[in-house]
Amino acid sequence: MDKRRRITLNDIARACGVSRATVSLVLRGSPLVHPETRRLVEAEMQRQGYVYNRAAANLRQRVSSAVALVINDLSNPFFAEFAAGVDEALGAKGYVTLLGSSNESPARQRQVLGSLMEHHPAGIILSPAESSMASDVALAIGRHTPLLVFNRQLTGDAEPGFEYDFLGLDNRAGTRAATARLIALGHRRIAFYGGHAGSSSCRERRIGYQEALREAGIAPDERWLIETAPTRLEANAHADALLALEPAPTAAVCYNDAVALGLMLGLVRLGRRPGEDFAVTGFDDIPEAAVGIPPLTTVSAAPRQRGRQAAELLLQRAASPSIPGRSVIVPVHLTERDSAPAPAS
């Protein structure tokens, strides 16, 4: 069977009685085209079924109107908000977002990055999978692709010339503030619940939690560090490990909001009443945190705003690729709601 011939700009131009350059101006949204001519050209494109080959145009012009965004966990509402912010900021600048997910697998991440590079993106925003190596990322995208790494540091050293920017949260200050608030309420047995110790963000949040305990004269207990995958389901499933400690903690500083919401469900399942006889704090301030039962006390990181910030930093690097790598750490603050009461008498 013969393949249907691709419709070209010349076909549209001939049908409309205009030049190929005029059709090209219509595609680029140029204000130089008369509105009636624009309507005529757009109607003919629709009639003939013309599809703009953006990849070919990018190769001709050596530019791209797409930015790749690779997320480690799309099931986490924090990253849904972050991705929405990225897309908003990129869209305002005329870019589209190519989305990929590593599902916390460095091997999958390499595959996704390699596939996205075939689209010649203007840059990449990467929230790395746990234990991601800088050398692996450099191998997948090369030294010259603008890169913004978010939330977790890459491990190991990359080859010279591999420059990228890092955007992170002040994890230590966030969990230090949450822990200090629980201590001020009268809690002394406070667990750190969820996350994997191999993750840089989890390590930093644990350090902040331990700093607050020590500042209050409380010796951190290794048994209070309970590791789970940073998801609601896993946090729910391991809630019994928290209550099995003797004596049991009266409060938990959770790795993120998904963990905190899952833990609260697990506590209810085990007959406890979070917000009444057990205190829980989160980290992120996803939209659901404010409407949880009870509403969640959490460290606010403004994920949608962070997404917009990540996009802006990446586009700055794309415009000035020779600038040295930057590290931007964003302040966070504690938002108090109803999930963290004083200890039950």
C-alpha atoms as a PDB file:
ATOM      1  CA  MET A   1       0.000   0.000   0.000  1.00  0.00           C
ATOM      2  CA  ASP A   2       1.368   3.426  -0.936  1.00  0.00           C
ATOM      3  CA  LYS A   3       2.071   5.719   1.981  1.00  0.00           C
ATOM      4  CA  ARG A   4       0.233   9.018   1.925  1.00  0.00           C
ATOM      5  CA  ARG A   5       2.564  11.882   1.005  1.00  0.00           C
ATOM      6  CA  ARG A   6       3.331  14.322   3.835  1.00  0.00           C
ATOM      7  CA  ILE A   7       1.673  17.700   3.380  1.00  0.00           C
ATOM      8  CA  THR A   8       4.271  20.489   3.191  1.00  0.00           C
ATOM      9  CA  LEU A   9       4.334  24.256   3.635  1.00  0.00           C
ATOM     10  CA  ASN A  10       4.602  24.584  -0.146  1.00  0.00           C
ATOM     11  CA  ASP A  11       1.296  22.679  -0.560  1.00  0.00           C
ATOM     12  CA  ILE A  12      -0.458  25.077   1.838  1.00  0.00           C
ATOM     13  CA  ALA A  13       1.120  28.121   0.189  1.00  0.00           C
ATOM     14  CA  ARG A  14       0.044  27.036  -3.334  1.00  0.00           C
ATOM     15  CA  ALA A  15      -3.530  26.342  -2.200  1.00  0.00           C
ATOM     16  CA  CYS A  16      -3.798  29.761  -0.536  1.00  0.00           C
ATOM     17  CA  GLY A  17      -1.983  31.732  -3.234  1.00  0.00           C
ATOM     18  CA  VAL A  18       0.590  33.063  -0.774  1.00  0.00           C
ATOM     19  CA  SER A  19       4.307  32.580  -0.298  1.00  0.00           C
ATOM     20  CA  ARG A  20       5.896  29.799   1.763  1.00  0.00           C
ATOM     21  CA  ALA A  21       7.353  32.510   4.005  1.00  0.00           C
ATOM     22  CA  THR A  22       3.839  33.774   4.800  1.00  0.00           C
ATOM     23  CA  VAL A  23       2.737  30.281   5.844  1.00  0.00           C
ATOM     24  CA  SER A  24       5.828  30.017   8.036  1.00  0.00           C
ATOM     25  CA  LEU A  25       4.972  33.345   9.690  1.00  0.00           C
ATOM     26  CA  VAL A  26       1.484  32.041  10.458  1.00  0.00           C
ATOM     27  CA  LEU A  27       2.978  28.971  12.137  1.00  0.00           C
ATOM     28  CA  ARG A  28       5.205  31.167  14.293  1.00  0.00           C
ATOM     29  CA  GLY A  29       2.292  33.395  15.317  1.00  0.00           C
ATOM     30  CA  SER A  30       3.853  36.476  13.755  1.00  0.00           C
ATOM     31  CA  PRO A  31       1.833  39.731  14.051  1.00  0.00           C
ATOM     32  CA  LEU A  32       3.054  40.691  10.561  1.00  0.00           C
ATOM     33  CA  VAL A  33       0.387  38.493   8.906  1.00  0.00           C
ATOM     34  CA  HIS A  34      -2.974  40.094   8.112  1.00  0.00           C
ATOM     35  CA  PRO A  35      -5.774  38.474  10.181  1.00  0.00           C
ATOM     36  CA  GLU A  36      -7.741  37.475   7.071  1.00  0.00           C
ATOM     37  CA  THR A  37      -4.654  35.814   5.568  1.00  0.00           C
ATOM     38  CA  ARG A  38      -4.003  34.020   8.866  1.00  0.00           C
ATOM     39  CA  ARG A  39      -7.570  32.626   8.912  1.00  0.00           C
ATOM     40  CA  LEU A  40      -7.239  31.508   5.280  1.00  0.00           C
ATOM     41  CA  VAL A  41      -3.933  29.695   5.914  1.00  0.00           C
ATOM     42  CA  GLU A  42      -5.111  28.056   9.157  1.00  0.00           C
ATOM     43  CA  ALA A  43      -8.308  26.838   7.466  1.00  0.00           C
ATOM     44  CA  GLU A  44      -6.301  25.321   4.600  1.00  0.00           C
ATOM     45  CA  MET A  45      -3.929  23.593   7.062  1.00  0.00           C
ATOM     46  CA  GLN A  46      -6.906  22.035   8.776  1.00  0.00           C
ATOM     47  CA  ARG A  47      -8.508  21.025   5.465  1.00  0.00           C
ATOM     48  CA  GLN A  48      -5.354  19.314   4.218  1.00  0.00           C
ATOM     49  CA  GLY A  49      -4.459  17.819   7.610  1.00  0.00           C
ATOM     50  CA  TYR A  50      -1.106  19.562   7.851  1.00  0.00           C
ATOM     51  CA  VAL A  51       0.997  18.535  10.903  1.00  0.00           C
ATOM     52  CA  TYR A  52       3.896  20.756  11.892  1.00  0.00           C
ATOM     53  CA  ASN A  53       7.144  18.755  12.095  1.00  0.00           C
ATOM     54  CA  ARG A  54       8.590  20.540  15.110  1.00  0.00           C
ATOM     55  CA  ALA A  55      11.530  18.154  15.487  1.00  0.00           C
ATOM     56  CA  ALA A  56      12.713  18.859  11.941  1.00  0.00           C
ATOM     57  CA  ALA A  57      12.316  22.602  12.501  1.00  0.00           C
ATOM     58  CA  ASN A  58      14.338  22.369  15.682  1.00  0.00           C
ATOM     59  CA  LEU A  59      17.155  20.616  13.853  1.00  0.00           C
ATOM     60  CA  ARG A  60      17.159  23.244  11.101  1.00  0.00           C
ATOM     61  CA  GLN A  61      17.185  26.129  13.556  1.00  0.00           C
ATOM     62  CA  ARG A  62      19.391  24.364  16.152  1.00  0.00           C
ATOM     63  CA  VAL A  63      16.901  25.306  18.841  1.00  0.00           C
ATOM     64  CA  SER A  64      14.162  23.424  20.671  1.00  0.00           C
ATOM     65  CA  SER A  65      10.837  24.505  22.089  1.00  0.00           C
ATOM     66  CA  ALA A  66      10.649  21.506  24.457  1.00  0.00           C
ATOM     67  CA  VAL A  67      12.069  20.935  27.930  1.00  0.00           C
ATOM     68  CA  ALA A  68      12.280  17.460  29.468  1.00  0.00           C
ATOM     69  CA  LEU A  69      11.065  16.888  33.026  1.00  0.00           C
ATOM     70  CA  VAL A  70      11.980  13.579  34.678  1.00  0.00           C
ATOM     71  CA  ILE A  71      10.332  12.821  38.034  1.00  0.00           C
ATOM     72  CA  ASN A  72      11.286  10.060  40.460  1.00  0.00           C
ATOM     73  CA  ASP A  73       7.764   9.365  41.775  1.00  0.00           C
ATOM     74  CA  LEU A  74       4.716  10.553  39.841  1.00  0.00           C
ATOM     75  CA  SER A  75       2.389   9.003  42.450  1.00  0.00           C
ATOM     76  CA  ASN A  76       3.533  11.595  45.019  1.00  0.00           C
ATOM     77  CA  PRO A  77       1.186  14.623  44.936  1.00  0.00           C
ATOM     78  CA  PHE A  78       4.158  16.877  45.709  1.00  0.00           C
ATOM     79  CA  PHE A  79       5.625  16.111  42.296  1.00  0.00           C
ATOM     80  CA  ALA A  80       2.279  16.578  40.557  1.00  0.00           C
ATOM     81  CA  GLU A  81       2.240  20.119  41.971  1.00  0.00           C
ATOM     82  CA  PHE A  82       5.903  20.613  41.091  1.00  0.00           C
ATOM     83  CA  ALA A  83       5.307  19.442  37.497  1.00  0.00           C
ATOM     84  CA  ALA A  84       2.320  21.786  37.179  1.00  0.00           C
ATOM     85  CA  GLY A  85       4.529  24.707  38.209  1.00  0.00           C
ATOM     86  CA  VAL A  86       7.219  23.697  35.721  1.00  0.00           C
ATOM     87  CA  ASP A  87       4.674  23.490  32.911  1.00  0.00           C
ATOM     88  CA  GLU A  88       3.120  26.861  33.802  1.00  0.00           C
ATOM     89  CA  ALA A  89       6.472  28.644  33.704  1.00  0.00           C
ATOM     90  CA  LEU A  90       7.633  26.917  30.521  1.00  0.00           C
ATOM     91  CA  GLY A  91       4.319  27.548  28.780  1.00  0.00           C
ATOM     92  CA  ALA A  92       4.554  31.250  29.550  1.00  0.00           C
ATOM     93  CA  LYS A  93       7.882  31.284  27.671  1.00  0.00           C
ATOM     94  CA  GLY A  94       6.597  29.313  24.690  1.00  0.00           C
ATOM     95  CA  TYR A  95       8.009  25.908  25.674  1.00  0.00           C
ATOM     96  CA  VAL A  96       6.267  22.566  26.018  1.00  0.00           C
ATOM     97  CA  THR A  97       7.069  19.952  28.669  1.00  0.00           C
ATOM     98  CA  LEU A  98       8.176  16.406  27.851  1.00  0.00           C
ATOM     99  CA  LEU A  99       7.418  14.305  30.936  1.00  0.00           C
ATOM    100  CA  GLY A 100       9.124  11.093  32.034  1.00  0.00           C
ATOM    101  CA  SER A 101       9.211   9.040  35.238  1.00  0.00           C
ATOM    102  CA  SER A 102      11.997   6.912  36.702  1.00  0.00           C
ATOM    103  CA  ASN A 103       9.867   5.264  39.405  1.00  0.00           C
ATOM    104  CA  GLU A 104      12.911   5.477  41.740  1.00  0.00           C
ATOM    105  CA  SER A 105      15.022   3.297  39.423  1.00  0.00           C
ATOM    106  CA  PRO A 106      18.403   4.643  38.240  1.00  0.00           C
ATOM    107  CA  ALA A 107      18.349   2.116  35.377  1.00  0.00           C
ATOM    108  CA  ARG A 108      14.909   3.284  34.262  1.00  0.00           C
ATOM    109  CA  GLN A 109      16.087   6.878  34.638  1.00  0.00           C
ATOM    110  CA  ARG A 110      18.980   6.286  32.215  1.00  0.00           C
ATOM    111  CA  GLN A 111      16.547   4.788  29.720  1.00  0.00           C
ATOM    112  CA  VAL A 112      14.094   7.690  30.038  1.00  0.00           C
ATOM    113  CA  LEU A 113      16.818  10.311  29.716  1.00  0.00           C
ATOM    114  CA  GLY A 114      18.222   8.586  26.636  1.00  0.00           C
ATOM    115  CA  SER A 115      14.812   8.482  25.001  1.00  0.00           C
ATOM    116  CA  LEU A 116      14.047  12.119  25.800  1.00  0.00           C
ATOM    117  CA  MET A 117      17.406  13.208  24.394  1.00  0.00           C
ATOM    118  CA  GLU A 118      16.273  11.932  20.997  1.00  0.00           C
ATOM    119  CA  HIS A 119      13.839  14.896  20.988  1.00  0.00           C
ATOM    120  CA  HIS A 120      16.737  17.373  21.358  1.00  0.00           C
ATOM    121  CA  PRO A 121      15.266  19.208  24.380  1.00  0.00           C
ATOM    122  CA  ALA A 122      16.380  22.725  25.236  1.00  0.00           C
ATOM    123  CA  GLY A 123      17.204  21.411  28.706  1.00  0.00           C
ATOM    124  CA  ILE A 124      16.308  18.869  31.376  1.00  0.00           C
ATOM    125  CA  ILE A 125      14.825  19.216  34.859  1.00  0.00           C
ATOM    126  CA  LEU A 126      15.611  16.089  36.857  1.00  0.00           C
ATOM    127  CA  SER A 127      14.312  14.995  40.252  1.00  0.00           C
ATOM    128  CA  PRO A 128      16.687  12.047  40.591  1.00  0.00           C
ATOM    129  CA  ALA A 129      15.897   8.492  41.548  1.00  0.00           C
ATOM    130  CA  GLU A 130      17.507   7.375  44.800  1.00  0.00           C
ATOM    131  CA  SER A 131      21.268   6.711  44.486  1.00  0.00           C
ATOM    132  CA  SER A 132      21.549   8.425  41.092  1.00  0.00           C
ATOM    133  CA  MET A 133      25.171   8.786  39.980  1.00  0.00           C
ATOM    134  CA  ALA A 134      26.350  12.041  38.410  1.00  0.00           C
ATOM    135  CA  SER A 135      28.464  10.042  35.946  1.00  0.00           C
ATOM    136  CA  ASP A 136      25.403   8.077  34.768  1.00  0.00           C
ATOM    137  CA  VAL A 137      23.403  11.247  34.156  1.00  0.00           C
ATOM    138  CA  ALA A 138      26.328  12.834  32.298  1.00  0.00           C
ATOM    139  CA  LEU A 139      26.641   9.739  30.119  1.00  0.00           C
ATOM    140  CA  ALA A 140      22.913   9.797  29.289  1.00  0.00           C
ATOM    141  CA  ILE A 141      22.604  13.495  28.377  1.00  0.00           C
ATOM    142  CA  GLY A 142      26.156  14.611  27.556  1.00  0.00           C
ATOM    143  CA  ARG A 143      28.071  17.567  28.952  1.00  0.00           C
ATOM    144  CA  HIS A 144      26.330  20.299  26.983  1.00  0.00           C
ATOM    145  CA  THR A 145      22.629  19.769  27.721  1.00  0.00           C
ATOM    146  CA  PRO A 146      21.406  22.365  30.258  1.00  0.00           C
ATOM    147  CA  LEU A 147      20.447  20.508  33.447  1.00  0.00           C
ATOM    148  CA  LEU A 148      18.634  21.487  36.654  1.00  0.00           C
ATOM    149  CA  VAL A 149      18.659  18.873  39.436  1.00  0.00           C
ATOM    150  CA  PHE A 150      15.884  19.205  42.007  1.00  0.00           C
ATOM    151  CA  ASN A 151      15.474  17.970  45.580  1.00  0.00           C
ATOM    152  CA  ARG A 152      18.179  15.260  45.743  1.00  0.00           C
ATOM    153  CA  GLN A 153      21.881  15.573  45.126  1.00  0.00           C
ATOM    154  CA  LEU A 154      23.545  13.374  42.519  1.00  0.00           C
ATOM    155  CA  THR A 155      26.160  11.063  44.043  1.00  0.00           C
ATOM    156  CA  GLY A 156      29.767  10.635  42.964  1.00  0.00           C
ATOM    157  CA  ASP A 157      31.825  12.789  40.644  1.00  0.00           C
ATOM    158  CA  ALA A 158      31.146  13.487  36.995  1.00  0.00           C
ATOM    159  CA  GLU A 159      33.771  14.179  34.356  1.00  0.00           C
ATOM    160  CA  PRO A 160      35.177  17.722  34.160  1.00  0.00           C
ATOM    161  CA  GLY A 161      32.961  20.110  32.236  1.00  0.00           C
ATOM    162  CA  PHE A 162      29.671  18.571  33.364  1.00  0.00           C
ATOM    163  CA  GLU A 163      28.044  21.633  34.939  1.00  0.00           C
ATOM    164  CA  TYR A 164      24.490  21.777  36.251  1.00  0.00           C
ATOM    165  CA  ASP A 165      22.365  23.731  38.702  1.00  0.00           C
ATOM    166  CA  PHE A 166      20.814  22.370  41.886  1.00  0.00           C
ATOM    167  CA  LEU A 167      17.563  23.538  43.468  1.00  0.00           C
ATOM    168  CA  GLY A 168      16.834  22.122  46.909  1.00  0.00           C
ATOM    169  CA  LEU A 169      14.849  22.719  50.074  1.00  0.00           C
ATOM    170  CA  ASP A 170      16.272  23.610  53.477  1.00  0.00           C
ATOM    171  CA  ASN A 171      15.496  20.121  54.721  1.00  0.00           C
ATOM    172  CA  ARG A 172      17.432  20.376  57.980  1.00  0.00           C
ATOM    173  CA  ALA A 173      15.782  23.633  59.022  1.00  0.00           C
ATOM    174  CA  GLY A 174      12.341  22.248  58.175  1.00  0.00           C
ATOM    175  CA  THR A 175      12.482  19.118  60.313  1.00  0.00           C
ATOM    176  CA  ARG A 176      14.343  20.983  63.045  1.00  0.00           C
ATOM    177  CA  ALA A 177      11.417  23.433  63.260  1.00  0.00           C
ATOM    178  CA  ALA A 178       8.819  20.633  63.264  1.00  0.00           C
ATOM    179  CA  THR A 179      10.667  18.673  65.965  1.00  0.00           C
ATOM    180  CA  ALA A 180      11.262  21.773  68.094  1.00  0.00           C
ATOM    181  CA  ARG A 181       7.541  22.563  67.979  1.00  0.00           C
ATOM    182  CA  LEU A 182       6.656  19.062  69.186  1.00  0.00           C
ATOM    183  CA  ILE A 183       9.181  19.406  72.003  1.00  0.00           C
ATOM    184  CA  ALA A 184       7.694  22.784  72.958  1.00  0.00           C
ATOM    185  CA  LEU A 185       4.289  21.090  73.201  1.00  0.00           C
ATOM    186  CA  GLY A 186       5.738  18.645  75.731  1.00  0.00           C
ATOM    187  CA  HIS A 187       6.669  15.615  73.619  1.00  0.00           C
ATOM    188  CA  ARG A 188       9.876  13.773  74.525  1.00  0.00           C
ATOM    189  CA  ARG A 189       9.555  10.482  72.626  1.00  0.00           C
ATOM    190  CA  ILE A 190       9.471  11.603  69.004  1.00  0.00           C
ATOM    191  CA  ALA A 191      10.065   9.255  66.068  1.00  0.00           C
ATOM    192  CA  PHE A 192      11.308  10.103  62.594  1.00  0.00           C
ATOM    193  CA  TYR A 193       9.052   8.099  60.313  1.00  0.00           C
ATOM    194  CA  GLY A 194       9.486   7.177  56.649  1.00  0.00           C
ATOM    195  CA  GLY A 195      11.948   7.719  53.833  1.00  0.00           C
ATOM    196  CA  HIS A 196      15.135   5.855  52.966  1.00  0.00           C
ATOM    197  CA  ALA A 197      18.397   6.749  54.687  1.00  0.00           C
ATOM    198  CA  GLY A 198      20.228   6.464  51.339  1.00  0.00           C
ATOM    199  CA  SER A 199      18.361   9.495  49.994  1.00  0.00           C
ATOM    200  CA  SER A 200      20.155  12.835  50.489  1.00  0.00           C
ATOM    201  CA  SER A 201      16.909  14.619  51.335  1.00  0.00           C
ATOM    202  CA  CYS A 202      16.041  11.978  53.954  1.00  0.00           C
ATOM    203  CA  ARG A 203      19.508  12.208  55.495  1.00  0.00           C
ATOM    204  CA  GLU A 204      19.210  15.974  55.769  1.00  0.00           C
ATOM    205  CA  ARG A 205      15.756  15.783  57.333  1.00  0.00           C
ATOM    206  CA  ARG A 206      16.944  13.219  59.859  1.00  0.00           C
ATOM    207  CA  ILE A 207      19.853  15.481  60.786  1.00  0.00           C
ATOM    208  CA  GLY A 208      17.511  18.411  61.435  1.00  0.00           C
ATOM    209  CA  TYR A 209      15.277  16.211  63.592  1.00  0.00           C
ATOM    210  CA  GLN A 210      18.261  14.951  65.605  1.00  0.00           C
ATOM    211  CA  GLU A 211      19.649  18.466  66.036  1.00  0.00           C
ATOM    212  CA  ALA A 212      16.395  19.635  67.611  1.00  0.00           C
ATOM    213  CA  LEU A 213      16.351  16.672  70.000  1.00  0.00           C
ATOM    214  CA  ARG A 214      19.926  17.303  71.118  1.00  0.00           C
ATOM    215  CA  GLU A 215      19.289  21.029  71.561  1.00  0.00           C
ATOM    216  CA  ALA A 216      16.494  20.087  73.971  1.00  0.00           C
ATOM    217  CA  GLY A 217      18.735  17.660  75.866  1.00  0.00           C
ATOM    218  CA  ILE A 218      16.997  14.584  74.435  1.00  0.00           C
ATOM    219  CA  ALA A 219      19.276  11.766  73.293  1.00  0.00           C
ATOM    220  CA  PRO A 220      18.113  10.462  69.889  1.00  0.00           C
ATOM    221  CA  ASP A 221      17.168   6.784  69.985  1.00  0.00           C
ATOM    222  CA  GLU A 222      18.072   4.755  66.880  1.00  0.00           C
ATOM    223  CA  ARG A 223      14.871   2.744  67.374  1.00  0.00           C
ATOM    224  CA  TRP A 224      12.915   5.940  66.673  1.00  0.00           C
ATOM    225  CA  LEU A 225      14.243   6.043  63.074  1.00  0.00           C
ATOM    226  CA  ILE A 226      11.686   3.966  61.183  1.00  0.00           C
ATOM    227  CA  GLU A 227      12.422   3.505  57.492  1.00  0.00           C
ATOM    228  CA  THR A 228       9.705   3.004  54.870  1.00  0.00           C
ATOM    229  CA  ALA A 229       9.268   3.821  51.210  1.00  0.00           C
ATOM    230  CA  PRO A 230       8.077   7.446  51.038  1.00  0.00           C
ATOM    231  CA  THR A 231       4.520   6.517  50.049  1.00  0.00           C
ATOM    232  CA  ARG A 232       1.147   6.520  51.732  1.00  0.00           C
ATOM    233  CA  LEU A 233       0.635   2.770  51.359  1.00  0.00           C
ATOM    234  CA  GLU A 234       4.009   1.837  52.850  1.00  0.00           C
ATOM    235  CA  ALA A 235       3.614   4.315  55.706  1.00  0.00           C
ATOM    236  CA  ASN A 236       0.223   2.832  56.538  1.00  0.00           C
ATOM    237  CA  ALA A 237       1.562  -0.717  56.396  1.00  0.00           C
ATOM    238  CA  HIS A 238       4.399  -0.068  58.889  1.00  0.00           C
ATOM    239  CA  ALA A 239       2.438   1.901  61.488  1.00  0.00           C
ATOM    240  CA  ASP A 240       2.462  -1.108  63.840  1.00  0.00           C
ATOM    241  CA  ALA A 241       6.293  -0.927  64.015  1.00  0.00           C
ATOM    242  CA  LEU A 242       5.970   2.546  65.509  1.00  0.00           C
ATOM    243  CA  LEU A 243       3.538   1.516  68.224  1.00  0.00           C
ATOM    244  CA  ALA A 244       5.474  -1.682  68.987  1.00  0.00           C
ATOM    245  CA  LEU A 245       8.319   0.350  70.512  1.00  0.00           C
ATOM    246  CA  GLU A 246       8.503   0.299  74.311  1.00  0.00           C
ATOM    247  CA  PRO A 247       7.865   2.892  75.497  1.00  0.00           C
ATOM    248  CA  ALA A 248       6.008   3.995  72.383  1.00  0.00           C
ATOM    249  CA  PRO A 249       6.615   7.462  70.897  1.00  0.00           C
ATOM    250  CA  THR A 250       3.906  10.065  71.384  1.00  0.00           C
ATOM    251  CA  ALA A 251       4.725  11.910  68.141  1.00  0.00           C
ATOM    252  CA  ALA A 252       6.270  11.386  64.716  1.00  0.00           C
ATOM    253  CA  VAL A 253       8.079  13.751  62.388  1.00  0.00           C
ATOM    254  CA  CYS A 254       7.368  12.281  58.957  1.00  0.00           C
ATOM    255  CA  TYR A 255       9.624  12.374  55.916  1.00  0.00           C
ATOM    256  CA  ASN A 256       6.898  13.908  53.737  1.00  0.00           C
ATOM    257  CA  ASP A 257       3.160  14.549  53.612  1.00  0.00           C
ATOM    258  CA  ALA A 258       2.379  11.296  51.785  1.00  0.00           C
ATOM    259  CA  VAL A 259       4.059   9.385  54.629  1.00  0.00           C
ATOM    260  CA  ALA A 260       2.271  11.485  57.261  1.00  0.00           C
ATOM    261  CA  LEU A 261      -1.157  10.920  55.709  1.00  0.00           C
ATOM    262  CA  GLY A 262      -0.466   7.194  55.386  1.00  0.00           C
ATOM    263  CA  LEU A 263       0.731   6.982  58.989  1.00  0.00           C
ATOM    264  CA  MET A 264      -2.417   8.703  60.237  1.00  0.00           C
ATOM    265  CA  LEU A 265      -4.529   6.118  58.417  1.00  0.00           C
ATOM    266  CA  GLY A 266      -2.418   3.356  59.969  1.00  0.00           C
ATOM    267  CA  LEU A 267      -2.809   4.828  63.452  1.00  0.00           C
ATOM    268  CA  VAL A 268      -6.582   4.914  63.049  1.00  0.00           C
ATOM    269  CA  ARG A 269      -6.486   1.306  61.879  1.00  0.00           C
ATOM    270  CA  LEU A 270      -4.636   0.425  65.094  1.00  0.00           C
ATOM    271  CA  GLY A 271      -7.118   2.223  67.317  1.00  0.00           C
ATOM    272  CA  ARG A 272      -5.250   5.499  67.826  1.00  0.00           C
ATOM    273  CA  ARG A 273      -6.553   9.012  67.169  1.00  0.00           C
ATOM    274  CA  PRO A 274      -3.994  11.217  65.376  1.00  0.00           C
ATOM    275  CA  GLY A 275      -4.523  14.805  66.386  1.00  0.00           C
ATOM    276  CA  GLU A 276      -5.817  13.681  69.800  1.00  0.00           C
ATOM    277  CA  ASP A 277      -3.603  10.998  71.350  1.00  0.00           C
ATOM    278  CA  PHE A 278      -0.745  11.039  68.840  1.00  0.00           C
ATOM    279  CA  ALA A 279       0.985  13.952  67.087  1.00  0.00           C
ATOM    280  CA  VAL A 280       2.053  13.821  63.428  1.00  0.00           C
ATOM    281  CA  THR A 281       3.882  16.355  61.254  1.00  0.00           C
ATOM    282  CA  GLY A 282       4.606  16.212  57.526  1.00  0.00           C
ATOM    283  CA  PHE A 283       6.864  17.913  55.007  1.00  0.00           C
ATOM    284  CA  ASP A 284       5.853  19.538  51.676  1.00  0.00           C
ATOM    285  CA  ASP A 285       2.381  21.040  52.293  1.00  0.00           C
ATOM    286  CA  ILE A 286       0.625  19.393  49.370  1.00  0.00           C
ATOM    287  CA  PRO A 287      -2.972  20.629  48.839  1.00  0.00           C
ATOM    288  CA  GLU A 288      -4.427  17.547  50.584  1.00  0.00           C
ATOM    289  CA  ALA A 289      -2.564  18.376  53.799  1.00  0.00           C
ATOM    290  CA  ALA A 290      -4.972  21.208  54.596  1.00  0.00           C
ATOM    291  CA  VAL A 291      -8.083  19.015  54.227  1.00  0.00           C
ATOM    292  CA  GLY A 292      -6.839  15.816  55.889  1.00  0.00           C
ATOM    293  CA  ILE A 293      -8.604  14.400  58.943  1.00  0.00           C
ATOM    294  CA  PRO A 294      -7.201  16.007  60.975  1.00  0.00           C
ATOM    295  CA  PRO A 295      -5.618  18.810  58.902  1.00  0.00           C
ATOM    296  CA  LEU A 296      -1.889  18.169  58.821  1.00  0.00           C
ATOM    297  CA  THR A 297       0.760  20.272  60.528  1.00  0.00           C
ATOM    298  CA  THR A 298       3.552  20.326  57.976  1.00  0.00           C
ATOM    299  CA  VAL A 299       6.644  22.052  56.656  1.00  0.00           C
ATOM    300  CA  SER A 300       5.590  24.203  53.723  1.00  0.00           C
ATOM    301  CA  ALA A 301       7.781  23.937  50.629  1.00  0.00           C
ATOM    302  CA  ALA A 302       5.368  25.490  48.054  1.00  0.00           C
ATOM    303  CA  PRO A 303       5.835  22.738  45.420  1.00  0.00           C
ATOM    304  CA  ARG A 304       4.130  24.574  42.552  1.00  0.00           C
ATOM    305  CA  GLN A 305       6.278  27.647  43.170  1.00  0.00           C
ATOM    306  CA  ARG A 306       9.365  25.406  43.263  1.00  0.00           C
ATOM    307  CA  GLY A 307       8.382  24.054  39.853  1.00  0.00           C
ATOM    308  CA  ARG A 308       8.186  27.556  38.419  1.00  0.00           C
ATOM    309  CA  GLN A 309      11.531  28.386  40.002  1.00  0.00           C
ATOM    310  CA  ALA A 310      13.142  25.257  38.540  1.00  0.00           C
ATOM    311  CA  ALA A 311      11.944  26.169  35.050  1.00  0.00           C
ATOM    312  CA  GLU A 312      13.264  29.721  35.374  1.00  0.00           C
ATOM    313  CA  LEU A 313      16.690  28.517  36.548  1.00  0.00           C
ATOM    314  CA  LEU A 314      16.908  26.027  33.697  1.00  0.00           C
ATOM    315  CA  LEU A 315      16.043  28.607  31.056  1.00  0.00           C
ATOM    316  CA  GLN A 316      18.687  30.921  32.522  1.00  0.00           C
ATOM    317  CA  ARG A 317      21.272  28.170  32.111  1.00  0.00           C
ATOM    318  CA  ALA A 318      20.063  27.434  28.570  1.00  0.00           C
ATOM    319  CA  ALA A 319      20.579  31.117  27.726  1.00  0.00           C
ATOM    320  CA  SER A 320      24.042  31.210  29.393  1.00  0.00           C
ATOM    321  CA  PRO A 321      25.411  27.651  29.286  1.00  0.00           C
ATOM    322  CA  SER A 322      28.948  28.643  30.306  1.00  0.00           C
ATOM    323  CA  ILE A 323      28.012  29.957  33.774  1.00  0.00           C
ATOM    324  CA  PRO A 324      29.326  27.892  36.722  1.00  0.00           C
ATOM    325  CA  GLY A 325      26.956  25.461  38.392  1.00  0.00           C
ATOM    326  CA  ARG A 326      24.688  27.068  41.005  1.00  0.00           C
ATOM    327  CA  SER A 327      23.179  25.647  44.188  1.00  0.00           C
ATOM    328  CA  VAL A 328      19.963  27.304  45.388  1.00  0.00           C
ATOM    329  CA  ILE A 329      18.531  26.235  48.763  1.00  0.00           C
ATOM    330  CA  VAL A 330      15.008  27.492  49.410  1.00  0.00           C
ATOM    331  CA  PRO A 331      13.811  28.390  52.931  1.00  0.00           C
ATOM    332  CA  VAL A 332      10.790  26.492  54.276  1.00  0.00           C
ATOM    333  CA  HIS A 333       8.468  27.186  57.200  1.00  0.00           C
ATOM    334  CA  LEU A 334       6.217  25.273  59.569  1.00  0.00           C
ATOM    335  CA  THR A 335       2.459  25.515  59.001  1.00  0.00           C
ATOM    336  CA  GLU A 336       0.548  24.484  62.121  1.00  0.00           C
ATOM    337  CA  ARG A 337      -2.815  22.769  61.874  1.00  0.00           C
ATOM    338  CA  ASP A 338      -4.579  20.150  64.009  1.00  0.00           C
ATOM    339  CA  SER A 339      -2.520  16.964  63.693  1.00  0.00           C
ATOM    340  CA  ALA A 340       0.091  17.850  66.336  1.00  0.00           C
ATOM    341  CA  PRO A 341      -1.454  18.324  69.796  1.00  0.00           C
ATOM    342  CA  ALA A 342       0.295  18.255  73.146  1.00  0.00           C
ATOM    343  CA  PRO A 343       0.879  14.758  74.620  1.00  0.00           C
ATOM    344  CA  ALA A 344      -2.213  13.058  75.989  1.00  0.00           C
ATOM    345  CA  SER A 345      -2.244  13.146  79.781  1.00  0.00           C
END
